[in-house]
Amino acid sequence: MGTALEETGWRVYVIRCGDDTFYTGITTDVERRLRQHREGTGAKYTRGRCPLQLWWASSPMNHRQALLLERRMKQWSHAEKEALQNGSG
């Protein structure tokens, strides 16, 4: 049996990059992860694509759910990710 964090502390997040692309990832601490991306120590994809804006973050879920949602969202179109900001999607 895992810890409570493993079971419920994971979030999927979407960052809008300065070149109007989106980056999707998972984390247990969205603010820390955004800071890492902005400092250039996050994902290679986000380096040099500043400014970076947190576009959307999910409610907490378990690790498996977060991985599955991340995988599904990475297949979404730009328009589908854009719609997240409007509360749809």
N, C-alpha and C. Protein backbone atom coordinates (compact mmCIF):
# COMPACT_ATOMS: atom_id res chain seq x y z
N MET A 1 0.84 -1.18 0.00
CA MET A 1 0.00 0.00 0.00
C MET A 1 0.88 1.24 0.00
N GLY A 2 0.56 2.22 -0.86
CA GLY A 2 1.36 3.43 -0.99
C GLY A 2 1.00 4.48 0.04
N THR A 3 1.77 5.54 0.04
CA THR A 3 1.49 6.66 0.95
C THR A 3 0.32 7.46 0.42
N ALA A 4 -0.20 8.33 1.27
CA ALA A 4 -1.33 9.18 0.86
C ALA A 4 -0.95 10.05 -0.33
N LEU A 5 0.29 10.55 -0.37
CA LEU A 5 0.74 11.38 -1.48
C LEU A 5 0.70 10.59 -2.78
N GLU A 6 1.17 9.35 -2.76
CA GLU A 6 1.14 8.52 -3.96
C GLU A 6 -0.28 8.28 -4.42
N GLU A 7 -1.20 8.22 -3.46
CA GLU A 7 -2.58 7.91 -3.80
C GLU A 7 -3.39 9.11 -4.26
N THR A 8 -3.09 10.30 -3.73
CA THR A 8 -3.97 11.43 -4.04
C THR A 8 -3.26 12.75 -4.34
N GLY A 9 -1.96 12.79 -4.28
CA GLY A 9 -1.27 14.07 -4.39
C GLY A 9 -0.79 14.46 -5.77
N TRP A 10 -1.13 13.72 -6.80
CA TRP A 10 -0.63 13.99 -8.14
C TRP A 10 -1.58 14.88 -8.93
N ARG A 11 -1.01 15.77 -9.73
CA ARG A 11 -1.79 16.65 -10.59
C ARG A 11 -1.20 16.64 -12.00
N VAL A 12 -2.06 16.77 -12.96
CA VAL A 12 -1.65 17.00 -14.34
C VAL A 12 -1.68 18.51 -14.53
N TYR A 13 -0.68 19.05 -15.23
CA TYR A 13 -0.64 20.49 -15.46
C TYR A 13 -0.30 20.77 -16.92
N VAL A 14 -0.73 21.92 -17.38
CA VAL A 14 -0.46 22.37 -18.75
C VAL A 14 0.17 23.75 -18.66
N ILE A 15 1.31 23.90 -19.31
CA ILE A 15 2.01 25.19 -19.39
C ILE A 15 1.88 25.71 -20.81
N ARG A 16 1.52 26.98 -20.92
CA ARG A 16 1.51 27.64 -22.24
C ARG A 16 2.85 28.34 -22.39
N CYS A 17 3.55 28.01 -23.45
CA CYS A 17 4.88 28.56 -23.71
C CYS A 17 4.78 29.85 -24.53
N GLY A 18 5.85 30.62 -24.53
CA GLY A 18 5.89 31.88 -25.24
C GLY A 18 5.70 31.75 -26.74
N ASP A 19 5.98 30.57 -27.30
CA ASP A 19 5.79 30.36 -28.74
C ASP A 19 4.40 29.80 -29.04
N ASP A 20 3.48 29.90 -28.07
CA ASP A 20 2.08 29.48 -28.21
C ASP A 20 1.91 27.97 -28.31
N THR A 21 2.87 27.21 -27.82
CA THR A 21 2.72 25.77 -27.73
C THR A 21 2.38 25.42 -26.29
N PHE A 22 1.98 24.17 -26.08
CA PHE A 22 1.64 23.72 -24.74
C PHE A 22 2.55 22.57 -24.33
N TYR A 23 2.88 22.53 -23.04
CA TYR A 23 3.62 21.43 -22.45
C TYR A 23 2.74 20.83 -21.37
N THR A 24 2.59 19.52 -21.36
CA THR A 24 1.77 18.83 -20.37
C THR A 24 2.65 17.90 -19.55
N GLY A 25 2.46 17.91 -18.23
CA GLY A 25 3.24 17.05 -17.35
C GLY A 25 2.47 16.71 -16.10
N ILE A 26 3.11 15.92 -15.20
CA ILE A 26 2.51 15.60 -13.92
C ILE A 26 3.49 15.94 -12.80
N THR A 27 2.96 16.22 -11.63
CA THR A 27 3.78 16.58 -10.48
C THR A 27 2.95 16.47 -9.21
N THR A 28 3.63 16.51 -8.08
CA THR A 28 2.94 16.60 -6.79
C THR A 28 2.96 18.03 -6.27
N ASP A 29 3.69 18.93 -6.97
CA ASP A 29 3.80 20.33 -6.54
C ASP A 29 3.88 21.21 -7.79
N VAL A 30 2.75 21.72 -8.21
CA VAL A 30 2.66 22.47 -9.47
C VAL A 30 3.52 23.73 -9.42
N GLU A 31 3.49 24.49 -8.33
CA GLU A 31 4.27 25.74 -8.25
C GLU A 31 5.77 25.46 -8.34
N ARG A 32 6.24 24.43 -7.63
CA ARG A 32 7.66 24.08 -7.70
C ARG A 32 8.05 23.68 -9.11
N ARG A 33 7.20 22.88 -9.74
CA ARG A 33 7.51 22.41 -11.09
C ARG A 33 7.52 23.56 -12.09
N LEU A 34 6.59 24.49 -11.97
CA LEU A 34 6.57 25.66 -12.85
C LEU A 34 7.85 26.48 -12.66
N ARG A 35 8.25 26.65 -11.41
CA ARG A 35 9.49 27.37 -11.11
C ARG A 35 10.70 26.67 -11.76
N GLN A 36 10.74 25.35 -11.69
CA GLN A 36 11.83 24.61 -12.33
C GLN A 36 11.83 24.82 -13.84
N HIS A 37 10.67 24.79 -14.46
CA HIS A 37 10.59 25.04 -15.90
C HIS A 37 11.11 26.44 -16.22
N ARG A 38 10.70 27.42 -15.44
CA ARG A 38 11.11 28.80 -15.68
C ARG A 38 12.61 29.00 -15.47
N GLU A 39 13.20 28.24 -14.55
CA GLU A 39 14.65 28.34 -14.28
C GLU A 39 15.48 27.52 -15.27
N GLY A 40 14.82 26.79 -16.16
CA GLY A 40 15.54 25.99 -17.15
C GLY A 40 15.96 24.62 -16.65
N THR A 41 15.46 24.22 -15.47
CA THR A 41 15.82 22.91 -14.93
C THR A 41 14.66 21.92 -15.02
N GLY A 42 13.59 22.32 -15.70
CA GLY A 42 12.45 21.44 -15.91
C GLY A 42 12.68 20.63 -17.18
N ALA A 43 11.65 20.39 -17.91
CA ALA A 43 11.74 19.61 -19.15
C ALA A 43 12.54 20.36 -20.22
N LYS A 44 13.26 19.61 -21.00
CA LYS A 44 14.05 20.19 -22.09
C LYS A 44 13.16 20.98 -23.05
N TYR A 45 11.94 20.49 -23.27
CA TYR A 45 11.02 21.14 -24.21
C TYR A 45 10.76 22.60 -23.86
N THR A 46 10.65 22.92 -22.58
CA THR A 46 10.27 24.28 -22.18
C THR A 46 11.44 25.25 -22.18
N ARG A 47 12.66 24.76 -22.25
CA ARG A 47 13.82 25.66 -22.25
C ARG A 47 13.82 26.52 -23.51
N GLY A 48 13.99 27.82 -23.31
CA GLY A 48 14.03 28.74 -24.44
C GLY A 48 12.67 29.08 -25.02
N ARG A 49 11.61 28.66 -24.37
CA ARG A 49 10.26 28.94 -24.86
C ARG A 49 9.51 29.90 -23.93
N CYS A 50 10.25 30.73 -23.22
CA CYS A 50 9.67 31.68 -22.27
C CYS A 50 8.95 32.80 -23.02
N PRO A 51 8.00 33.46 -22.36
CA PRO A 51 7.58 33.24 -20.98
C PRO A 51 6.69 32.00 -20.87
N LEU A 52 6.71 31.39 -19.70
CA LEU A 52 5.92 30.20 -19.42
C LEU A 52 4.79 30.57 -18.47
N GLN A 53 3.58 30.17 -18.81
CA GLN A 53 2.40 30.49 -18.01
C GLN A 53 1.68 29.20 -17.64
N LEU A 54 1.38 29.04 -16.36
CA LEU A 54 0.56 27.90 -15.98
C LEU A 54 -0.81 28.11 -16.59
N TRP A 55 -1.22 27.19 -17.43
CA TRP A 55 -2.46 27.33 -18.18
C TRP A 55 -3.60 26.60 -17.47
N TRP A 56 -3.31 25.42 -16.91
CA TRP A 56 -4.34 24.61 -16.30
C TRP A 56 -3.70 23.58 -15.39
N ALA A 57 -4.37 23.22 -14.32
CA ALA A 57 -3.92 22.13 -13.44
C ALA A 57 -5.15 21.36 -12.97
N SER A 58 -5.02 20.07 -12.90
CA SER A 58 -6.12 19.21 -12.48
C SER A 58 -6.29 19.24 -10.97
N SER A 59 -7.35 18.67 -10.51
CA SER A 59 -7.51 18.42 -9.09
C SER A 59 -6.62 17.22 -8.73
N PRO A 60 -6.35 17.01 -7.45
CA PRO A 60 -5.48 15.90 -7.05
C PRO A 60 -6.07 14.53 -7.43
N MET A 61 -5.17 13.61 -7.76
CA MET A 61 -5.54 12.24 -8.11
C MET A 61 -4.38 11.33 -7.78
N ASN A 62 -4.55 10.04 -7.98
CA ASN A 62 -3.43 9.14 -7.72
C ASN A 62 -2.47 9.13 -8.91
N HIS A 63 -1.30 8.56 -8.70
CA HIS A 63 -0.24 8.58 -9.72
C HIS A 63 -0.68 7.93 -11.02
N ARG A 64 -1.33 6.78 -10.92
CA ARG A 64 -1.76 6.07 -12.13
C ARG A 64 -2.77 6.91 -12.92
N GLN A 65 -3.73 7.51 -12.23
CA GLN A 65 -4.72 8.35 -12.90
C GLN A 65 -4.04 9.53 -13.59
N ALA A 66 -3.06 10.14 -12.91
CA ALA A 66 -2.35 11.29 -13.49
C ALA A 66 -1.58 10.88 -14.75
N LEU A 67 -0.92 9.73 -14.70
CA LEU A 67 -0.18 9.26 -15.88
C LEU A 67 -1.12 9.00 -17.05
N LEU A 68 -2.26 8.40 -16.78
CA LEU A 68 -3.22 8.11 -17.85
C LEU A 68 -3.81 9.39 -18.44
N LEU A 69 -4.16 10.34 -17.58
CA LEU A 69 -4.70 11.61 -18.07
C LEU A 69 -3.64 12.38 -18.86
N GLU A 70 -2.41 12.40 -18.36
CA GLU A 70 -1.33 13.08 -19.09
C GLU A 70 -1.16 12.48 -20.48
N ARG A 71 -1.13 11.17 -20.56
CA ARG A 71 -0.96 10.50 -21.86
C ARG A 71 -2.10 10.87 -22.80
N ARG A 72 -3.33 10.87 -22.28
CA ARG A 72 -4.49 11.21 -23.11
C ARG A 72 -4.42 12.67 -23.57
N MET A 73 -4.07 13.57 -22.65
CA MET A 73 -4.03 15.00 -22.99
C MET A 73 -2.93 15.34 -23.97
N LYS A 74 -1.83 14.59 -23.95
CA LYS A 74 -0.75 14.86 -24.90
C LYS A 74 -1.19 14.58 -26.33
N GLN A 75 -2.28 13.85 -26.49
CA GLN A 75 -2.83 13.58 -27.83
C GLN A 75 -3.83 14.64 -28.27
N TRP A 76 -4.21 15.51 -27.36
CA TRP A 76 -5.20 16.54 -27.68
C TRP A 76 -4.63 17.56 -28.66
N SER A 77 -5.52 18.17 -29.40
CA SER A 77 -5.15 19.26 -30.32
C SER A 77 -4.85 20.53 -29.52
N HIS A 78 -4.24 21.48 -30.20
CA HIS A 78 -3.96 22.78 -29.59
C HIS A 78 -5.28 23.43 -29.13
N ALA A 79 -6.30 23.34 -29.94
CA ALA A 79 -7.60 23.95 -29.61
C ALA A 79 -8.21 23.30 -28.37
N GLU A 80 -8.07 22.01 -28.22
CA GLU A 80 -8.61 21.33 -27.04
C GLU A 80 -7.90 21.79 -25.77
N LYS A 81 -6.58 21.96 -25.84
CA LYS A 81 -5.83 22.45 -24.69
C LYS A 81 -6.16 23.91 -24.42
N GLU A 82 -6.34 24.67 -25.47
CA GLU A 82 -6.71 26.08 -25.31
C GLU A 82 -8.05 26.20 -24.58
N ALA A 83 -8.97 25.32 -24.88
CA ALA A 83 -10.31 25.35 -24.28
C ALA A 83 -10.29 25.10 -22.78
N LEU A 84 -9.21 24.49 -22.26
CA LEU A 84 -9.12 24.25 -20.81
C LEU A 84 -9.23 25.55 -20.03
N GLN A 85 -8.68 26.62 -20.55
CA GLN A 85 -8.69 27.90 -19.85
C GLN A 85 -10.12 28.43 -19.71
N ASN A 86 -10.99 28.02 -20.60
CA ASN A 86 -12.37 28.49 -20.57
C ASN A 86 -13.27 27.57 -19.74
N GLY A 87 -12.67 26.60 -19.07
CA GLY A 87 -13.44 25.70 -18.24
C GLY A 87 -14.02 24.52 -18.95
N SER A 88 -13.77 24.39 -20.25
CA SER A 88 -14.23 23.21 -20.97
C SER A 88 -13.05 22.26 -21.15
N GLY A 89 -13.26 21.14 -21.75
CA GLY A 89 -12.16 20.23 -22.02
C GLY A 89 -11.99 19.13 -21.04
